[in-house]
Structure formats: C-alpha cells, structure tokens
Full PDB file with SEQRES, HELIX, SHEET, SSBOND, CRYST1, ORIGX, SCALE, CONECT and MASTER records, all heavy atoms in Angstrom:
SEQRES   1 A   39  SER ASP LEU LEU GLN ALA PHE PRO ALA ASN ILE ARG ILE          
SEQRES   2 A   39  TYR GLN HIS ALA SER GLY THR TYR ARG GLY ARG THR GLY          
SEQRES   3 A   39  GLU ILE GLN ILE PRO PRO GLU LEU ALA GLY LEU VAL VAL          
HELIX    1 AA1 ASP A    2  ALA A    6  1                                   5    
HELIX    2 AA2 PRO A   32  LEU A   34  5                                   3    
SHEET    1 AA1 2 ASN A  10  TYR A  14  0                                        
SHEET    2 AA1 2 TYR A  21  THR A  25 -1                                        
CRYST1    1.000    1.000    1.000  90.00  90.00  90.00 P 1           1          
ORIGX1      1.000000  0.000000  0.000000        0.00000                         
ORIGX2      0.000000  1.000000  0.000000        0.00000                         
ORIGX3      0.000000  0.000000  1.000000        0.00000                         
SCALE1      1.000000  0.000000  0.000000        0.00000                         
SCALE2      0.000000  1.000000  0.000000        0.00000                         
SCALE3      0.000000  0.000000  1.000000        0.00000                         
ATOM      1  N   SER A   1     109.995  82.036 109.445  1.00  0.00           N  
ATOM      2  CA  SER A   1     110.365  80.756 108.828  1.00  0.00           C  
ATOM      3  C   SER A   1     109.361  79.669 109.187  1.00  0.00           C  
ATOM      4  O   SER A   1     108.990  78.842 108.338  1.00  0.00           O  
ATOM      5  CB  SER A   1     111.773  80.347 109.262  1.00  0.00           C  
ATOM      6  OG  SER A   1     111.857  80.212 110.673  1.00  0.00           O  
ATOM      7  N   ASP A   2     108.880  79.651 110.431  1.00  0.00           N  
ATOM      8  CA  ASP A   2     107.895  78.659 110.842  1.00  0.00           C  
ATOM      9  C   ASP A   2     106.524  78.949 110.238  1.00  0.00           C  
ATOM     10  O   ASP A   2     105.786  78.019 109.861  1.00  0.00           O  
ATOM     11  CB  ASP A   2     107.794  78.604 112.370  1.00  0.00           C  
ATOM     12  CG  ASP A   2     109.039  77.993 113.006  1.00  0.00           C  
ATOM     13  OD1 ASP A   2     109.649  77.098 112.388  1.00  0.00           O  
ATOM     14  OD2 ASP A   2     109.418  78.429 114.116  1.00  0.00           O  
ATOM     15  N   LEU A   3     106.184  80.220 110.154  1.00  0.00           N  
ATOM     16  CA  LEU A   3     104.904  80.588 109.519  1.00  0.00           C  
ATOM     17  C   LEU A   3     104.880  80.157 108.060  1.00  0.00           C  
ATOM     18  O   LEU A   3     103.863  79.664 107.556  1.00  0.00           O  
ATOM     19  CB  LEU A   3     104.676  82.100 109.633  1.00  0.00           C  
ATOM     20  CG  LEU A   3     104.407  82.656 111.039  1.00  0.00           C  
ATOM     21  CD1 LEU A   3     104.485  84.172 111.031  1.00  0.00           C  
ATOM     22  CD2 LEU A   3     103.040  82.200 111.552  1.00  0.00           C  
ATOM     23  N   LEU A   4     106.011  80.335 107.379  1.00  0.00           N  
ATOM     24  CA  LEU A   4     106.081  79.948 105.974  1.00  0.00           C  
ATOM     25  C   LEU A   4     106.122  78.430 105.797  1.00  0.00           C  
ATOM     26  O   LEU A   4     105.683  77.921 104.756  1.00  0.00           O  
ATOM     27  CB  LEU A   4     107.297  80.595 105.318  1.00  0.00           C  
ATOM     28  CG  LEU A   4     107.229  82.109 105.127  1.00  0.00           C  
ATOM     29  CD1 LEU A   4     108.556  82.665 104.620  1.00  0.00           C  
ATOM     30  CD2 LEU A   4     106.102  82.472 104.160  1.00  0.00           C  
ATOM     31  N   GLN A   5     106.655  77.716 106.763  1.00  0.00           N  
ATOM     32  CA  GLN A   5     106.593  76.262 106.711  1.00  0.00           C  
ATOM     33  C   GLN A   5     105.146  75.787 106.828  1.00  0.00           C  
ATOM     34  O   GLN A   5     104.733  74.826 106.176  1.00  0.00           O  
ATOM     35  CB  GLN A   5     107.426  75.668 107.843  1.00  0.00           C  
ATOM     36  CG  GLN A   5     108.928  75.687 107.608  1.00  0.00           C  
ATOM     37  CD  GLN A   5     109.358  74.687 106.545  1.00  0.00           C  
ATOM     38  OE1 GLN A   5     108.791  73.603 106.419  1.00  0.00           O  
ATOM     39  NE2 GLN A   5     110.359  75.068 105.755  1.00  0.00           N  
ATOM     40  N   ALA A   6     104.372  76.478 107.661  1.00  0.00           N  
ATOM     41  CA  ALA A   6     102.972  76.093 107.864  1.00  0.00           C  
ATOM     42  C   ALA A   6     102.088  76.553 106.718  1.00  0.00           C  
ATOM     43  O   ALA A   6     101.197  75.815 106.267  1.00  0.00           O  
ATOM     44  CB  ALA A   6     102.466  76.666 109.185  1.00  0.00           C  
ATOM     45  N   PHE A   7     102.333  77.774 106.247  1.00  0.00           N  
ATOM     46  CA  PHE A   7     101.494  78.370 105.204  1.00  0.00           C  
ATOM     47  C   PHE A   7     102.405  79.020 104.156  1.00  0.00           C  
ATOM     48  O   PHE A   7     102.643  80.236 104.196  1.00  0.00           O  
ATOM     49  CB  PHE A   7     100.553  79.419 105.799  1.00  0.00           C  
ATOM     50  CG  PHE A   7      99.713  78.905 106.941  1.00  0.00           C  
ATOM     51  CD1 PHE A   7      99.955  79.314 108.248  1.00  0.00           C  
ATOM     52  CD2 PHE A   7      98.685  78.003 106.707  1.00  0.00           C  
ATOM     53  CE1 PHE A   7      99.183  78.840 109.302  1.00  0.00           C  
ATOM     54  CE2 PHE A   7      97.902  77.522 107.760  1.00  0.00           C  
ATOM     55  CZ  PHE A   7      98.155  77.939 109.058  1.00  0.00           C  
ATOM     56  N   PRO A   8     102.946  78.248 103.231  1.00  0.00           N  
ATOM     57  CA  PRO A   8     103.896  78.792 102.256  1.00  0.00           C  
ATOM     58  C   PRO A   8     103.321  79.969 101.471  1.00  0.00           C  
ATOM     59  O   PRO A   8     102.160  79.956 101.038  1.00  0.00           O  
ATOM     60  CB  PRO A   8     104.162  77.598 101.333  1.00  0.00           C  
ATOM     61  CG  PRO A   8     103.905  76.399 102.193  1.00  0.00           C  
ATOM     62  CD  PRO A   8     102.761  76.795 103.083  1.00  0.00           C  
ATOM     63  N   ALA A   9     104.146  80.997 101.298  1.00  0.00           N  
ATOM     64  CA  ALA A   9     103.753  82.194 100.544  1.00  0.00           C  
ATOM     65  C   ALA A   9     105.014  82.876 100.041  1.00  0.00           C  
ATOM     66  O   ALA A   9     106.105  82.695 100.604  1.00  0.00           O  
ATOM     67  CB  ALA A   9     102.944  83.145 101.432  1.00  0.00           C  
ATOM     68  N   ASN A  10     104.863  83.662  99.003  1.00  0.00           N  
ATOM     69  CA  ASN A  10     105.991  84.397  98.424  1.00  0.00           C  
ATOM     70  C   ASN A  10     106.026  85.799  99.023  1.00  0.00           C  
ATOM     71  O   ASN A  10     105.225  86.663  98.652  1.00  0.00           O  
ATOM     72  CB  ASN A  10     105.844  84.462  96.902  1.00  0.00           C  
ATOM     73  CG  ASN A  10     107.023  85.146  96.245  1.00  0.00           C  
ATOM     74  OD1 ASN A  10     108.126  85.180  96.795  1.00  0.00           O  
ATOM     75  ND2 ASN A  10     106.802  85.700  95.063  1.00  0.00           N  
ATOM     76  N   ILE A  11     106.927  86.034  99.960  1.00  0.00           N  
ATOM     77  CA  ILE A  11     107.017  87.346 100.612  1.00  0.00           C  
ATOM     78  C   ILE A  11     108.453  87.863 100.524  1.00  0.00           C  
ATOM     79  O   ILE A  11     109.413  87.098 100.592  1.00  0.00           O  
ATOM     80  CB  ILE A  11     106.547  87.304 102.076  1.00  0.00           C  
ATOM     81  CG1 ILE A  11     107.377  86.320 102.911  1.00  0.00           C  
ATOM     82  CG2 ILE A  11     105.072  86.961 102.156  1.00  0.00           C  
ATOM     83  CD1 ILE A  11     107.038  86.350 104.389  1.00  0.00           C  
ATOM     84  N   ARG A  12     108.582  89.175 100.343  1.00  0.00           N  
ATOM     85  CA  ARG A  12     109.865  89.860 100.264  1.00  0.00           C  
ATOM     86  C   ARG A  12     109.712  91.233 100.925  1.00  0.00           C  
ATOM     87  O   ARG A  12     108.608  91.680 101.229  1.00  0.00           O  
ATOM     88  CB  ARG A  12     110.317  90.046  98.798  1.00  0.00           C  
ATOM     89  CG  ARG A  12     110.487  88.766  98.002  1.00  0.00           C  
ATOM     90  CD  ARG A  12     111.752  88.017  98.394  1.00  0.00           C  
ATOM     91  NE  ARG A  12     112.020  86.915  97.476  1.00  0.00           N  
ATOM     92  CZ  ARG A  12     111.498  85.702  97.602  1.00  0.00           C  
ATOM     93  NH1 ARG A  12     110.644  85.440  98.593  1.00  0.00           N  
ATOM     94  NH2 ARG A  12     111.809  84.735  96.741  1.00  0.00           N  
ATOM     95  N   ILE A  13     110.813  91.929 101.105  1.00  0.00           N  
ATOM     96  CA  ILE A  13     110.794  93.293 101.618  1.00  0.00           C  
ATOM     97  C   ILE A  13     110.868  94.251 100.433  1.00  0.00           C  
ATOM     98  O   ILE A  13     111.712  94.092  99.537  1.00  0.00           O  
ATOM     99  CB  ILE A  13     111.970  93.554 102.571  1.00  0.00           C  
ATOM    100  CG1 ILE A  13     111.936  92.572 103.742  1.00  0.00           C  
ATOM    101  CG2 ILE A  13     111.932  94.997 103.093  1.00  0.00           C  
ATOM    102  CD1 ILE A  13     110.695  92.658 104.598  1.00  0.00           C  
ATOM    103  N   TYR A  14     109.983  95.264 100.437  1.00  0.00           N  
ATOM    104  CA  TYR A  14     109.908  96.215  99.329  1.00  0.00           C  
ATOM    105  C   TYR A  14     109.931  97.647  99.860  1.00  0.00           C  
ATOM    106  O   TYR A  14     109.519  97.917 101.001  1.00  0.00           O  
ATOM    107  CB  TYR A  14     108.622  96.006  98.520  1.00  0.00           C  
ATOM    108  CG  TYR A  14     108.561  94.677  97.809  1.00  0.00           C  
ATOM    109  CD1 TYR A  14     108.024  93.556  98.437  1.00  0.00           C  
ATOM    110  CD2 TYR A  14     109.062  94.525  96.515  1.00  0.00           C  
ATOM    111  CE1 TYR A  14     107.973  92.324  97.793  1.00  0.00           C  
ATOM    112  CE2 TYR A  14     109.020  93.302  95.858  1.00  0.00           C  
ATOM    113  CZ  TYR A  14     108.475  92.211  96.508  1.00  0.00           C  
ATOM    114  OH  TYR A  14     108.431  90.988  95.865  1.00  0.00           O  
ATOM    115  N   GLN A  15     110.398  98.540  99.008  1.00  0.00           N  
ATOM    116  CA  GLN A  15     110.378  99.973  99.306  1.00  0.00           C  
ATOM    117  C   GLN A  15     109.307 100.624  98.447  1.00  0.00           C  
ATOM    118  O   GLN A  15     109.157 100.316  97.263  1.00  0.00           O  
ATOM    119  CB  GLN A  15     111.743 100.605  99.015  1.00  0.00           C  
ATOM    120  CG  GLN A  15     111.801 102.101  99.259  1.00  0.00           C  
ATOM    121  CD  GLN A  15     111.554 102.464 100.714  1.00  0.00           C  
ATOM    122  OE1 GLN A  15     112.071 101.829 101.614  1.00  0.00           O  
ATOM    123  NE2 GLN A  15     110.742 103.493 100.948  1.00  0.00           N  
ATOM    124  N   HIS A  16     108.548 101.536  99.062  1.00  0.00           N  
ATOM    125  CA  HIS A  16     107.484 102.256  98.371  1.00  0.00           C  
ATOM    126  C   HIS A  16     107.436 103.667  98.927  1.00  0.00           C  
ATOM    127  O   HIS A  16     107.990 103.953  99.999  1.00  0.00           O  
ATOM    128  CB  HIS A  16     106.135 101.547  98.596  1.00  0.00           C  
ATOM    129  CG  HIS A  16     104.995 102.148  97.852  1.00  0.00           C  
ATOM    130  ND1 HIS A  16     104.092 103.006  98.440  1.00  0.00           N  
ATOM    131  CD2 HIS A  16     104.611 102.029  96.554  1.00  0.00           C  
ATOM    132  CE1 HIS A  16     103.188 103.378  97.543  1.00  0.00           C  
ATOM    133  NE2 HIS A  16     103.486 102.795  96.392  1.00  0.00           N  
ATOM    134  N   ALA A  17     106.801 104.582  98.190  1.00  0.00           N  
ATOM    135  CA  ALA A  17     106.696 105.966  98.657  1.00  0.00           C  
ATOM    136  C   ALA A  17     106.017 106.070 100.009  1.00  0.00           C  
ATOM    137  O   ALA A  17     106.265 107.007 100.773  1.00  0.00           O  
ATOM    138  CB  ALA A  17     105.939 106.800  97.621  1.00  0.00           C  
ATOM    139  N   SER A  18     105.150 105.105 100.324  1.00  0.00           N  
ATOM    140  CA  SER A  18     104.452 105.129 101.609  1.00  0.00           C  
ATOM    141  C   SER A  18     105.286 104.512 102.729  1.00  0.00           C  
ATOM    142  O   SER A  18     104.892 104.557 103.896  1.00  0.00           O  
ATOM    143  CB  SER A  18     103.133 104.362 101.498  1.00  0.00           C  
ATOM    144  OG  SER A  18     103.353 103.008 101.140  1.00  0.00           O  
ATOM    145  N   GLY A  19     106.445 103.910 102.382  1.00  0.00           N  
ATOM    146  CA  GLY A  19     107.317 103.317 103.382  1.00  0.00           C  
ATOM    147  C   GLY A  19     107.724 101.899 103.015  1.00  0.00           C  
ATOM    148  O   GLY A  19     107.171 101.289 102.098  1.00  0.00           O  
ATOM    149  N   THR A  20     108.682 101.369 103.730  1.00  0.00           N  
ATOM    150  CA  THR A  20     109.129  99.992 103.513  1.00  0.00           C  
ATOM    151  C   THR A  20     108.088  99.023 104.073  1.00  0.00           C  
ATOM    152  O   THR A  20     107.532  99.259 105.144  1.00  0.00           O  
ATOM    153  CB  THR A  20     110.485  99.760 104.203  1.00  0.00           C  
ATOM    154  OG1 THR A  20     111.439 100.682 103.676  1.00  0.00           O  
ATOM    155  CG2 THR A  20     110.986  98.345 103.963  1.00  0.00           C  
ATOM    156  N   TYR A  21     107.853  97.946 103.343  1.00  0.00           N  
ATOM    157  CA  TYR A  21     106.856  96.984 103.812  1.00  0.00           C  
ATOM    158  C   TYR A  21     107.223  95.566 103.384  1.00  0.00           C  
ATOM    159  O   TYR A  21     108.009  95.360 102.462  1.00  0.00           O  
ATOM    160  CB  TYR A  21     105.464  97.347 103.293  1.00  0.00           C  
ATOM    161  CG  TYR A  21     105.235  97.116 101.798  1.00  0.00           C  
ATOM    162  CD1 TYR A  21     104.510  96.007 101.353  1.00  0.00           C  
ATOM    163  CD2 TYR A  21     105.712  98.004 100.844  1.00  0.00           C  
ATOM    164  CE1 TYR A  21     104.280  95.792  99.993  1.00  0.00           C  
ATOM    165  CE2 TYR A  21     105.483  97.809  99.491  1.00  0.00           C  
ATOM    166  CZ  TYR A  21     104.760  96.702  99.075  1.00  0.00           C  
ATOM    167  OH  TYR A  21     104.533  96.495  97.738  1.00  0.00           O  
ATOM    168  N   ARG A  22     106.643  94.618 104.098  1.00  0.00           N  
ATOM    169  CA  ARG A  22     106.767  93.212 103.735  1.00  0.00           C  
ATOM    170  C   ARG A  22     105.627  92.898 102.775  1.00  0.00           C  
ATOM    171  O   ARG A  22     104.454  92.961 103.154  1.00  0.00           O  
ATOM    172  CB  ARG A  22     106.678  92.331 104.986  1.00  0.00           C  
ATOM    173  CG  ARG A  22     107.019  90.862 104.755  1.00  0.00           C  
ATOM    174  CD  ARG A  22     107.088  90.114 106.072  1.00  0.00           C  
ATOM    175  NE  ARG A  22     105.806  90.043 106.748  1.00  0.00           N  
ATOM    176  CZ  ARG A  22     105.615  90.293 108.043  1.00  0.00           C  
ATOM    177  NH1 ARG A  22     106.626  90.664 108.817  1.00  0.00           N  
ATOM    178  NH2 ARG A  22     104.415  90.191 108.581  1.00  0.00           N  
ATOM    179  N   GLY A  23     105.976  92.614 101.523  1.00  0.00           N  
ATOM    180  CA  GLY A  23     104.962  92.430 100.500  1.00  0.00           C  
ATOM    181  C   GLY A  23     104.778  90.975 100.120  1.00  0.00           C  
ATOM    182  O   GLY A  23     105.728  90.186 100.126  1.00  0.00           O  
ATOM    183  N   ARG A  24     103.563  90.629  99.752  1.00  0.00           N  
ATOM    184  CA  ARG A  24     103.248  89.263  99.333  1.00  0.00           C  
ATOM    185  C   ARG A  24     102.697  89.267  97.919  1.00  0.00           C  
ATOM    186  O   ARG A  24     101.899  90.142  97.555  1.00  0.00           O  
ATOM    187  CB  ARG A  24     102.220  88.638 100.284  1.00  0.00           C  
ATOM    188  CG  ARG A  24     101.849  87.204  99.908  1.00  0.00           C  
ATOM    189  CD  ARG A  24     100.942  86.574 100.956  1.00  0.00           C  
ATOM    190  NE  ARG A  24      99.606  87.163 101.002  1.00  0.00           N  
ATOM    191  CZ  ARG A  24      98.618  86.874 100.149  1.00  0.00           C  
ATOM    192  NH1 ARG A  24      98.832  86.025  99.141  1.00  0.00           N  
ATOM    193  NH2 ARG A  24      97.434  87.431 100.280  1.00  0.00           N  
ATOM    194  N   THR A  25     103.105  88.298  97.125  1.00  0.00           N  
ATOM    195  CA  THR A  25     102.582  88.128  95.771  1.00  0.00           C  
ATOM    196  C   THR A  25     102.088  86.689  95.616  1.00  0.00           C  
ATOM    197  O   THR A  25     102.537  85.778  96.315  1.00  0.00           O  
ATOM    198  CB  THR A  25     103.651  88.409  94.699  1.00  0.00           C  
ATOM    199  OG1 THR A  25     104.778  87.552  94.919  1.00  0.00           O  
ATOM    200  CG2 THR A  25     104.107  89.853  94.754  1.00  0.00           C  
ATOM    201  N   GLY A  26     101.165  86.509  94.677  1.00  0.00           N  
ATOM    202  CA  GLY A  26     100.635  85.173  94.429  1.00  0.00           C  
ATOM    203  C   GLY A  26      99.664  84.719  95.499  1.00  0.00           C  
ATOM    204  O   GLY A  26      99.052  85.524  96.195  1.00  0.00           O  
ATOM    205  N   GLU A  27      99.526  83.392  95.633  1.00  0.00           N  
ATOM    206  CA  GLU A  27      98.567  82.808  96.563  1.00  0.00           C  
ATOM    207  C   GLU A  27      99.262  82.185  97.774  1.00  0.00           C  
ATOM    208  O   GLU A  27     100.435  81.821  97.712  1.00  0.00           O  
ATOM    209  CB  GLU A  27      97.743  81.727  95.861  1.00  0.00           C  
ATOM    210  CG  GLU A  27      96.875  82.263  94.731  1.00  0.00           C  
ATOM    211  CD  GLU A  27      96.157  81.143  93.993  1.00  0.00           C  
ATOM    212  OE1 GLU A  27      96.827  80.170  93.578  1.00  0.00           O  
ATOM    213  OE2 GLU A  27      94.924  81.254  93.822  1.00  0.00           O  
ATOM    214  N   ILE A  28      98.520  82.074  98.857  1.00  0.00           N  
ATOM    215  CA  ILE A  28      98.996  81.377 100.050  1.00  0.00           C  
ATOM    216  C   ILE A  28      98.643  79.895  99.910  1.00  0.00           C  
ATOM    217  O   ILE A  28      97.574  79.540  99.397  1.00  0.00           O  
ATOM    218  CB  ILE A  28      98.347  81.965 101.316  1.00  0.00           C  
ATOM    219  CG1 ILE A  28      98.736  83.446 101.479  1.00  0.00           C  
ATOM    220  CG2 ILE A  28      98.753  81.181 102.565  1.00  0.00           C  
ATOM    221  CD1 ILE A  28      97.998  84.146 102.600  1.00  0.00           C  
ATOM    222  N   GLN A  29      99.521  79.050 100.378  1.00  0.00           N  
ATOM    223  CA  GLN A  29      99.292  77.606 100.339  1.00  0.00           C  
ATOM    224  C   GLN A  29      98.874  77.102 101.726  1.00  0.00           C  
ATOM    225  O   GLN A  29      99.378  77.580 102.746  1.00  0.00           O  
ATOM    226  CB  GLN A  29     100.553  76.882  99.888  1.00  0.00           C  
ATOM    227  CG  GLN A  29     101.096  77.345  98.540  1.00  0.00           C  
ATOM    228  CD  GLN A  29     100.124  77.067  97.408  1.00  0.00           C  
ATOM    229  OE1 GLN A  29      99.710  75.924  97.204  1.00  0.00           O  
ATOM    230  NE2 GLN A  29      99.748  78.114  96.679  1.00  0.00           N  
ATOM    231  N   ILE A  30      97.949  76.142 101.720  1.00  0.00           N  
ATOM    232  CA  ILE A  30      97.496  75.533 102.972  1.00  0.00           C  
ATOM    233  C   ILE A  30      97.473  74.017 102.796  1.00  0.00           C  
ATOM    234  O   ILE A  30      97.394  73.514 101.668  1.00  0.00           O  
ATOM    235  CB  ILE A  30      96.095  76.039 103.385  1.00  0.00           C  
ATOM    236  CG1 ILE A  30      95.062  75.727 102.296  1.00  0.00           C  
ATOM    237  CG2 ILE A  30      96.126  77.526 103.698  1.00  0.00           C  
ATOM    238  CD1 ILE A  30      93.633  76.065 102.694  1.00  0.00           C  
ATOM    239  N   PRO A  31      97.514  73.258 103.903  1.00  0.00           N  
ATOM    240  CA  PRO A  31      97.453  71.800 103.778  1.00  0.00           C  
ATOM    241  C   PRO A  31      96.059  71.360 103.331  1.00  0.00           C  
ATOM    242  O   PRO A  31      95.061  72.038 103.640  1.00  0.00           O  
ATOM    243  CB  PRO A  31      97.767  71.312 105.193  1.00  0.00           C  
ATOM    244  CG  PRO A  31      97.342  72.431 106.073  1.00  0.00           C  
ATOM    245  CD  PRO A  31      97.650  73.688 105.306  1.00  0.00           C  
ATOM    246  N   PRO A  32      95.948  70.248 102.605  1.00  0.00           N  
ATOM    247  CA  PRO A  32      94.640  69.793 102.115  1.00  0.00           C  
ATOM    248  C   PRO A  32      93.603  69.619 103.213  1.00  0.00           C  
ATOM    249  O   PRO A  32      92.416  69.861 102.991  1.00  0.00           O  
ATOM    250  CB  PRO A  32      94.966  68.460 101.432  1.00  0.00           C  
ATOM    251  CG  PRO A  32      96.393  68.569 101.039  1.00  0.00           C  
ATOM    252  CD  PRO A  32      97.046  69.382 102.116  1.00  0.00           C  
ATOM    253  N   GLU A  33      94.036  69.221 104.414  1.00  0.00           N  
ATOM    254  CA  GLU A  33      93.063  68.980 105.483  1.00  0.00           C  
ATOM    255  C   GLU A  33      92.394  70.269 105.970  1.00  0.00           C  
ATOM    256  O   GLU A  33      91.348  70.231 106.634  1.00  0.00           O  
ATOM    257  CB  GLU A  33      93.715  68.254 106.667  1.00  0.00           C  
ATOM    258  CG  GLU A  33      94.798  69.040 107.394  1.00  0.00           C  
ATOM    259  CD  GLU A  33      96.197  68.695 106.910  1.00  0.00           C  
ATOM    260  OE1 GLU A  33      96.341  68.326 105.715  1.00  0.00           O  
ATOM    261  OE2 GLU A  33      97.140  68.786 107.713  1.00  0.00           O  
ATOM    262  N   LEU A  34      92.993  71.425 105.653  1.00  0.00           N  
ATOM    263  CA  LEU A  34      92.380  72.705 106.040  1.00  0.00           C  
ATOM    264  C   LEU A  34      91.638  73.369 104.886  1.00  0.00           C  
ATOM    265  O   LEU A  34      91.013  74.415 105.068  1.00  0.00           O  
ATOM    266  CB  LEU A  34      93.447  73.664 106.584  1.00  0.00           C  
ATOM    267  CG  LEU A  34      94.155  73.255 107.877  1.00  0.00           C  
ATOM    268  CD1 LEU A  34      95.114  74.355 108.327  1.00  0.00           C  
ATOM    269  CD2 LEU A  34      93.158  72.927 108.985  1.00  0.00           C  
ATOM    270  N   ALA A  35      91.686  72.770 103.695  1.00  0.00           N  
ATOM    271  CA  ALA A  35      90.995  73.338 102.536  1.00  0.00           C  
ATOM    272  C   ALA A  35      89.485  73.310 102.775  1.00  0.00           C  
ATOM    273  O   ALA A  35      88.923  72.298 103.202  1.00  0.00           O  
ATOM    274  CB  ALA A  35      91.344  72.553 101.283  1.00  0.00           C  
ATOM    275  N   GLY A  36      88.827  74.439 102.516  1.00  0.00           N  
ATOM    276  CA  GLY A  36      87.397  74.553 102.767  1.00  0.00           C  
ATOM    277  C   GLY A  36      87.072  74.932 104.193  1.00  0.00           C  
ATOM    278  O   GLY A  36      85.992  75.455 104.476  1.00  0.00           O  
ATOM    279  N   LEU A  37      87.976  74.658 105.094  1.00  0.00           N  
ATOM    280  CA  LEU A  37      87.809  75.017 106.512  1.00  0.00           C  
ATOM    281  C   LEU A  37      88.369  76.411 106.762  1.00  0.00           C  
ATOM    282  O   LEU A  37      87.721  77.264 107.366  1.00  0.00           O  
ATOM    283  CB  LEU A  37      88.507  73.964 107.363  1.00  0.00           C  
ATOM    284  CG  LEU A  37      88.399  74.008 108.876  1.00  0.00           C  
ATOM    285  CD1 LEU A  37      88.688  72.634 109.458  1.00  0.00           C  
ATOM    286  CD2 LEU A  37      89.363  75.025 109.496  1.00  0.00           C  
ATOM    287  N   VAL A  38      89.578  76.653 106.266  1.00  0.00           N  
ATOM    288  CA  VAL A  38      90.206  77.976 106.386  1.00  0.00           C  
ATOM    289  C   VAL A  38      89.783  78.830 105.199  1.00  0.00           C  
ATOM    290  O   VAL A  38      89.884  78.405 104.041  1.00  0.00           O  
ATOM    291  CB  VAL A  38      91.737  77.848 106.438  1.00  0.00           C  
ATOM    292  CG1 VAL A  38      92.407  79.220 106.298  1.00  0.00           C  
ATOM    293  CG2 VAL A  38      92.173  77.199 107.739  1.00  0.00           C  
ATOM    294  N   VAL A  39      89.297  80.041 105.469  1.00  0.00           N  
ATOM    295  CA  VAL A  39      88.840  80.935 104.402  1.00  0.00           C  
ATOM    296  C   VAL A  39      89.723  82.171 104.250  1.00  0.00           C  
ATOM    297  O   VAL A  39      89.521  82.963 103.319  1.00  0.00           O  
ATOM    298  CB  VAL A  39      87.376  81.370 104.632  1.00  0.00           C  
ATOM    299  CG1 VAL A  39      86.457  80.162 104.605  1.00  0.00           C  
ATOM    300  CG2 VAL A  39      87.223  82.135 105.955  1.00  0.00           C  
TER     301      VAL A  39                                                      
MASTER        0    0    0    2    2    0    0    6  300    1    0    3          
END                                                                             
C-alpha cells in the first residue's frame, strides 16, 4: 500500500501455467520531481 502510494501502478494477482504471480499492467507513475531522474 505504501509502495503504491509512492509509485502508483495497476497490480493484481494472476494465475498462469507457470504459477501464481503478482502482475502489472500499464505504466508506473512517479512524482514530477523525479521525472528524468528515475529511469
């Protein structure tokens, strides 16, 4: 919850033939002051 407050992202739990995993879709969000600094 704190990680997502700092860096918002769309993550859910998914099932796959290779095993259950925490999956992410779309883009990660960062604060403007870190844009260009964080890669």
